[in-house]
Amino acid sequence: MVTTGHASNGLKAVSTAIGALFPASANQQDMSAIGICAPGPLNPLTGVIINPPNLPFWHNYPLAEEMRRAYGVSVKIDNDANAAALAEAKWGAGRGYRNVFYATIGTGIGTGIIFDGRIYHGRTGAAAEGGHIGIDRNGPLCNCGKRGCIEALASGTAIGRRARQKVSEDPKSILLEMADGDPQRVTSEMVAKAHAANDPVAREVMRETVDMLAYWLGNVIDLLEPDVIVIGGGVSSMMAPFLEEIRQRWVGACLNPSPQDIPLVLARYGEDAGIAGAAALCELGS
C-alpha cells in the first residue's frame, strides 16, 4: 500500500490488488462482494477511512463508496484485527464459540471482539483497541501517545527493544553473537532462538513478556469473560510454548472465579489472516 501521494493513488493500489486476484479476463458478474481490511481509524458502518496516521491522503475518505462505484458490488470494510477475529470465529480456532476475543501480536498488538458471531464495534466503530489498554502508567510511550500500553510492552517490537537494552549490559549473551556484535541489530526473532538455546537474557525477556501478557489477558477476562481467547500474528508462534503458563497465571489473579476454563489457543490463519478476514466480511450477516 502506498503511503504518500493523493487519494487516487491509494484507490489504485486497492484496485490493483483486486485485479491480481480477479483478472480482467474473468467474468466480473461472478464477483458478488468485496471485503477490505483497511488501516484505522475508520467507520465500518459507512466505509469511511477517518484519519490513518500512515495514509494521510485518506483523511475522511469514502473508500467503500468509491469501490462500489468502480465495481458495482457490495463493499465491506473493517480494520485488520476485527476482520481476522471474525474469520477465526467463523472458520478458525474460535469456531463453535459464542464469544471470541482475538489478539494479533506482531509489530504491534491488535484485537477484535466477536459477540454472538458479530464484530463488536462500539458506538462509533472505534471499539476493541485492546492493544492500547495500559498496564503501566509509568511505562514506555506508545505510538498512540499513551504510556504503558500492552503494545508498547509486549509486541514483537517491544520484545526486540527490551532485548537490545539488556544485551548491552550482558556481552556474554548469544544474542550479541547473533547480531554480529551490534546490540542494535537484535530482533524478537533472535530472542526466540536464543531462548531455545537457554540464553539468560532471552529467558529474562520472555519471562517479562509472559508476565505482562498474562496480566493484560487477565484484565480482558474480568472485563469480557470470553468463551475463548485466540492468539495470532507474527509473534504467536514464539508465544506458543507459554500459552498454558499464561492460563495458569490467571488463577488467583482474576476476579473471575474460573478463568482456567477459558481456552487460550493459537489462531488458524497466520499470514493469511487479512485474506480470510476480508472474505469473512463478505459473508452474509457478518
Protein backbone atom coordinates (compact mmCIF):
# COMPACT_ATOMS: atom_id res chain seq x y z
CA MET A 1 0.00 0.00 0.00
CA VAL A 2 1.30 3.45 -0.90
CA THR A 3 1.85 5.84 1.98
CA THR A 4 2.28 9.15 0.11
CA GLY A 5 0.55 10.97 -2.72
CA HIS A 6 -3.11 11.51 -3.49
CA ALA A 7 -6.24 9.59 -2.54
CA SER A 8 -6.47 8.27 -6.10
CA ASN A 9 -3.09 6.55 -5.68
CA GLY A 10 -4.38 4.62 -2.67
CA LEU A 11 -7.54 3.67 -4.55
CA LYS A 12 -5.45 2.47 -7.47
CA ALA A 13 -3.39 0.29 -5.12
CA VAL A 14 -6.56 -1.38 -3.80
CA SER A 15 -7.86 -1.90 -7.35
CA THR A 16 -4.53 -3.42 -8.37
CA ALA A 17 -4.73 -5.90 -5.50
CA ILE A 18 -8.27 -6.86 -6.53
CA GLY A 19 -7.12 -7.21 -10.14
CA ALA A 20 -4.38 -9.60 -9.10
CA LEU A 21 -7.00 -11.89 -7.55
CA PHE A 22 -9.65 -11.31 -10.20
CA PRO A 23 -8.11 -10.87 -13.67
CA ALA A 24 -9.87 -8.72 -16.24
CA SER A 25 -10.40 -11.83 -18.36
CA ALA A 26 -12.64 -13.35 -15.66
CA ASN A 27 -16.39 -12.81 -15.61
CA GLN A 28 -16.89 -9.98 -13.13
CA GLN A 29 -20.53 -11.00 -12.77
CA ASP A 30 -19.17 -13.74 -10.53
CA MET A 31 -17.96 -11.05 -8.10
CA SER A 32 -20.70 -10.59 -5.53
CA ALA A 33 -18.91 -8.57 -2.85
CA ILE A 34 -15.56 -7.06 -1.90
CA GLY A 35 -14.09 -7.20 1.60
CA ILE A 36 -11.28 -4.84 2.54
CA CYS A 37 -9.08 -4.80 5.63
CA ALA A 38 -8.06 -1.15 5.93
CA PRO A 39 -6.00 0.87 8.38
CA GLY A 40 -7.94 2.69 11.06
CA PRO A 41 -9.37 4.69 12.49
CA LEU A 42 -12.36 4.06 10.24
CA ASN A 43 -16.12 3.80 10.34
CA PRO A 44 -17.11 0.24 9.37
CA LEU A 45 -20.77 1.24 9.02
CA THR A 46 -20.16 3.94 6.40
CA GLY A 47 -16.90 2.61 4.96
CA VAL A 48 -15.19 5.95 5.53
CA ILE A 49 -11.47 5.92 6.37
CA ILE A 50 -11.19 8.61 9.02
CA ASN A 51 -7.57 9.55 9.65
CA PRO A 52 -4.96 6.76 9.40
CA PRO A 53 -1.53 8.04 10.52
CA ASN A 54 0.32 6.21 7.73
CA LEU A 55 -2.13 7.19 4.98
CA PRO A 56 -2.72 10.93 5.46
CA PHE A 57 -4.23 11.33 2.00
CA TRP A 58 -7.16 9.14 3.09
CA HIS A 59 -8.50 11.71 5.56
CA ASN A 60 -12.28 11.17 5.79
CA TYR A 61 -12.06 9.20 2.56
CA PRO A 62 -15.21 7.29 1.43
CA LEU A 63 -13.36 4.16 0.33
CA ALA A 64 -16.40 1.87 0.33
CA GLU A 65 -18.38 4.28 -1.83
CA GLU A 66 -15.51 4.63 -4.30
CA MET A 67 -15.13 0.87 -4.57
CA ARG A 68 -18.86 0.36 -5.03
CA ARG A 69 -18.82 2.93 -7.81
CA ALA A 70 -15.91 1.16 -9.50
CA TYR A 71 -17.16 -2.43 -9.23
CA GLY A 72 -20.90 -2.19 -8.69
CA VAL A 73 -20.95 -4.69 -5.82
CA SER A 74 -21.38 -4.63 -2.06
CA VAL A 75 -18.23 -3.46 -0.24
CA LYS A 76 -17.47 -4.10 3.42
CA ILE A 77 -14.55 -2.51 5.22
CA ASP A 78 -13.09 -3.11 8.66
CA ASN A 79 -9.73 -2.99 10.36
CA ASP A 80 -7.38 -5.95 10.20
CA ALA A 81 -7.85 -7.28 13.71
CA ASN A 82 -11.66 -7.09 13.61
CA ALA A 83 -11.76 -8.91 10.28
CA ALA A 84 -9.26 -11.56 11.40
CA ALA A 85 -11.26 -12.08 14.59
CA LEU A 86 -14.38 -12.68 12.51
CA ALA A 87 -12.56 -15.21 10.31
CA GLU A 88 -11.29 -17.08 13.35
CA ALA A 89 -14.79 -17.12 14.86
CA LYS A 90 -16.41 -18.34 11.63
CA TRP A 91 -13.88 -20.85 10.34
CA GLY A 92 -10.81 -20.92 12.57
CA ALA A 93 -9.73 -21.53 16.14
CA GLY A 94 -12.78 -19.74 17.54
CA ARG A 95 -15.35 -21.73 15.58
CA GLY A 96 -18.11 -23.14 17.77
CA TYR A 97 -17.66 -20.50 20.48
CA ARG A 98 -20.27 -17.82 21.06
CA ASN A 99 -17.97 -15.02 22.24
CA VAL A 100 -14.39 -14.72 21.00
CA PHE A 101 -11.54 -12.40 21.96
CA TYR A 102 -8.81 -12.30 19.30
CA ALA A 103 -5.37 -10.74 19.66
CA THR A 104 -2.80 -10.42 16.91
CA ILE A 105 0.69 -9.91 18.31
CA GLY A 106 3.29 -8.73 15.85
CA THR A 107 4.91 -5.35 15.22
CA GLY A 108 2.04 -4.03 17.32
CA ILE A 109 -0.91 -5.62 19.11
CA GLY A 110 -4.37 -5.51 17.60
CA THR A 111 -7.54 -7.06 18.96
CA GLY A 112 -11.05 -7.93 17.86
CA ILE A 113 -14.15 -8.88 19.82
CA ILE A 114 -16.85 -11.18 18.48
CA PHE A 115 -20.18 -11.38 20.31
CA ASP A 116 -22.71 -13.91 19.02
CA GLY A 117 -20.93 -14.15 15.68
CA ARG A 118 -20.77 -10.40 15.09
CA ILE A 119 -17.96 -7.88 15.43
CA TYR A 120 -18.35 -5.56 18.39
CA HIS A 121 -17.68 -2.08 17.01
CA GLY A 122 -18.82 0.12 19.86
CA ARG A 123 -20.68 3.40 19.40
CA THR A 124 -18.59 4.81 16.53
CA GLY A 125 -16.66 1.79 15.29
CA ALA A 126 -13.59 2.56 17.37
CA ALA A 127 -14.00 -0.19 19.98
CA ALA A 128 -11.70 -3.17 20.62
CA GLU A 129 -8.39 -1.30 20.62
CA GLY A 130 -7.15 -3.76 23.23
CA GLY A 131 -3.53 -3.24 22.26
CA HIS A 132 -3.78 0.20 23.82
CA ILE A 133 -5.03 -0.91 27.19
CA GLY A 134 -2.48 0.47 29.62
CA ILE A 135 -0.99 -1.78 32.27
CA ASP A 136 1.74 0.61 33.49
CA ARG A 137 1.08 4.35 33.61
CA ASN A 138 4.81 4.94 34.04
CA GLY A 139 5.71 2.62 31.17
CA PRO A 140 7.22 3.45 27.79
CA LEU A 141 5.49 5.88 25.49
CA CYS A 142 3.32 4.14 22.90
CA ASN A 143 2.91 5.42 19.34
CA CYS A 144 -0.70 6.20 20.23
CA GLY A 145 0.52 8.85 22.70
CA LYS A 146 -0.32 6.95 25.90
CA ARG A 147 2.13 5.32 28.27
CA GLY A 148 2.33 1.68 29.27
CA CYS A 149 0.08 0.21 26.58
CA ILE A 150 0.47 -3.55 26.23
CA GLU A 151 1.56 -2.90 22.64
CA ALA A 152 4.49 -0.83 23.90
CA LEU A 153 5.45 -3.57 26.34
CA ALA A 154 4.82 -6.98 24.76
CA SER A 155 4.62 -6.65 20.97
CA GLY A 156 7.39 -8.02 18.77
CA THR A 157 8.80 -4.51 18.55
CA ALA A 158 8.81 -4.17 22.34
CA ILE A 159 10.42 -7.59 22.82
CA GLY A 160 13.25 -6.62 20.49
CA ARG A 161 13.71 -3.23 22.15
CA ARG A 162 13.88 -4.71 25.65
CA ALA A 163 16.36 -7.34 24.50
CA ARG A 164 18.60 -4.67 22.95
CA GLN A 165 18.65 -2.79 26.24
CA LYS A 166 19.53 -5.89 28.26
CA VAL A 167 22.14 -7.31 25.91
CA SER A 168 24.11 -4.09 26.14
CA GLU A 169 24.58 -4.93 29.82
CA ASP A 170 25.47 -8.59 29.22
CA PRO A 171 28.07 -9.03 26.45
CA LYS A 172 28.15 -12.80 27.08
CA SER A 173 24.65 -13.27 25.69
CA ILE A 174 24.48 -15.27 22.45
CA LEU A 175 22.13 -12.59 21.23
CA LEU A 176 25.15 -10.40 20.65
CA GLU A 177 26.73 -13.10 18.52
CA MET A 178 23.52 -13.47 16.51
CA ALA A 179 23.54 -9.72 15.92
CA ASP A 180 27.17 -9.72 14.72
CA GLY A 181 28.26 -7.83 17.80
CA ASP A 182 25.83 -4.95 17.36
CA PRO A 183 23.17 -4.80 20.13
CA GLN A 184 21.01 -2.53 17.97
CA ARG A 185 20.52 -5.36 15.48
CA VAL A 186 18.86 -7.69 17.99
CA THR A 187 15.31 -8.67 16.96
CA SER A 188 12.44 -10.55 18.56
CA GLU A 189 13.15 -13.47 16.20
CA MET A 190 16.65 -13.68 17.66
CA VAL A 191 15.19 -13.63 21.16
CA ALA A 192 13.08 -16.69 20.33
CA LYS A 193 16.12 -18.60 19.04
CA ALA A 194 18.27 -17.54 21.98
CA HIS A 195 15.56 -18.57 24.42
CA ALA A 196 15.51 -22.03 22.86
CA ALA A 197 19.27 -22.14 23.48
CA ASN A 198 18.70 -21.25 27.16
CA ASP A 199 20.30 -17.82 26.91
CA PRO A 200 19.79 -15.94 30.23
CA VAL A 201 18.99 -12.57 28.60
CA ALA A 202 16.44 -14.10 26.25
CA ARG A 203 14.87 -16.06 29.09
CA GLU A 204 14.51 -12.90 31.17
CA VAL A 205 12.93 -11.02 28.27
CA MET A 206 10.44 -13.81 27.63
CA ARG A 207 9.61 -14.16 31.34
CA GLU A 208 8.78 -10.45 31.48
CA THR A 209 6.71 -10.71 28.30
CA VAL A 210 4.72 -13.65 29.62
CA ASP A 211 4.11 -11.77 32.89
CA MET A 212 2.71 -8.76 31.05
CA LEU A 213 0.58 -10.72 28.61
CA ALA A 214 -0.88 -12.82 31.44
CA TYR A 215 -1.73 -9.69 33.43
CA TRP A 216 -3.28 -8.00 30.39
CA LEU A 217 -5.35 -11.02 29.37
CA GLY A 218 -6.48 -11.45 32.97
CA ASN A 219 -7.95 -7.94 32.78
CA VAL A 220 -9.63 -8.87 29.49
CA ILE A 221 -11.21 -11.89 31.18
CA ASP A 222 -12.53 -9.81 34.05
CA LEU A 223 -13.98 -7.30 31.59
CA LEU A 224 -15.39 -9.56 28.87
CA GLU A 225 -15.25 -13.18 30.08
CA PRO A 226 -14.96 -14.54 26.51
CA ASP A 227 -15.59 -18.19 25.71
CA VAL A 228 -12.17 -18.47 24.07
CA ILE A 229 -9.08 -16.32 23.54
CA VAL A 230 -7.34 -16.71 20.19
CA ILE A 231 -3.75 -15.52 19.66
CA GLY A 232 -2.47 -14.77 16.15
CA GLY A 233 0.13 -12.60 14.46
CA GLY A 234 3.82 -12.96 13.75
CA VAL A 235 4.81 -13.40 17.40
CA SER A 236 2.18 -16.07 18.11
CA SER A 237 4.47 -18.99 17.25
CA MET A 238 7.04 -17.52 19.62
CA MET A 239 4.44 -17.44 22.40
CA ALA A 240 3.04 -20.92 21.69
CA PRO A 241 5.17 -22.70 24.34
CA PHE A 242 3.93 -20.25 27.00
CA LEU A 243 0.17 -20.36 26.47
CA GLU A 244 -0.50 -22.87 29.23
CA GLU A 245 1.74 -20.95 31.62
CA ILE A 246 -0.23 -17.78 30.87
CA ARG A 247 -3.50 -19.61 31.58
CA GLN A 248 -2.18 -20.91 34.89
CA ARG A 249 -1.24 -17.39 35.97
CA TRP A 250 -4.86 -16.28 35.70
CA VAL A 251 -5.85 -18.50 38.64
CA GLY A 252 -5.98 -16.31 41.72
CA ALA A 253 -5.07 -13.22 39.69
CA CYS A 254 -8.53 -12.63 38.20
CA LEU A 255 -11.74 -11.70 39.93
CA ASN A 256 -13.39 -14.23 37.61
CA PRO A 257 -13.90 -17.44 39.62
CA SER A 258 -12.94 -19.87 36.84
CA PRO A 259 -10.53 -18.32 34.32
CA GLN A 260 -8.86 -21.70 33.83
CA ASP A 261 -11.99 -22.81 31.95
CA ILE A 262 -11.29 -20.32 29.15
CA PRO A 263 -9.18 -21.87 26.35
CA LEU A 264 -6.17 -19.90 25.11
CA VAL A 265 -5.35 -21.13 21.62
CA LEU A 266 -3.33 -20.25 18.55
CA ALA A 267 -5.12 -18.78 15.54
CA ARG A 268 -5.70 -20.90 12.47
CA TYR A 269 -4.86 -18.18 9.96
CA GLY A 270 -1.31 -16.88 10.05
CA GLU A 271 -0.09 -14.71 7.19
CA ASP A 272 -3.47 -15.25 5.51
CA ALA A 273 -5.38 -13.54 8.33
CA GLY A 274 -6.09 -10.47 6.20
CA ILE A 275 -7.36 -12.53 3.26
CA ALA A 276 -9.53 -14.72 5.48
CA GLY A 277 -10.77 -11.63 7.31
CA ALA A 278 -11.75 -9.84 4.10
CA ALA A 279 -13.64 -12.94 2.98
CA ALA A 280 -15.40 -13.17 6.34
CA LEU A 281 -16.59 -9.57 5.99
CA CYS A 282 -18.34 -10.53 2.77
CA GLU A 283 -20.27 -13.35 4.40
CA LEU A 284 -23.97 -12.58 4.67
CA GLY A 285 -24.86 -11.38 8.13
CA SER A 286 -21.24 -10.61 9.11
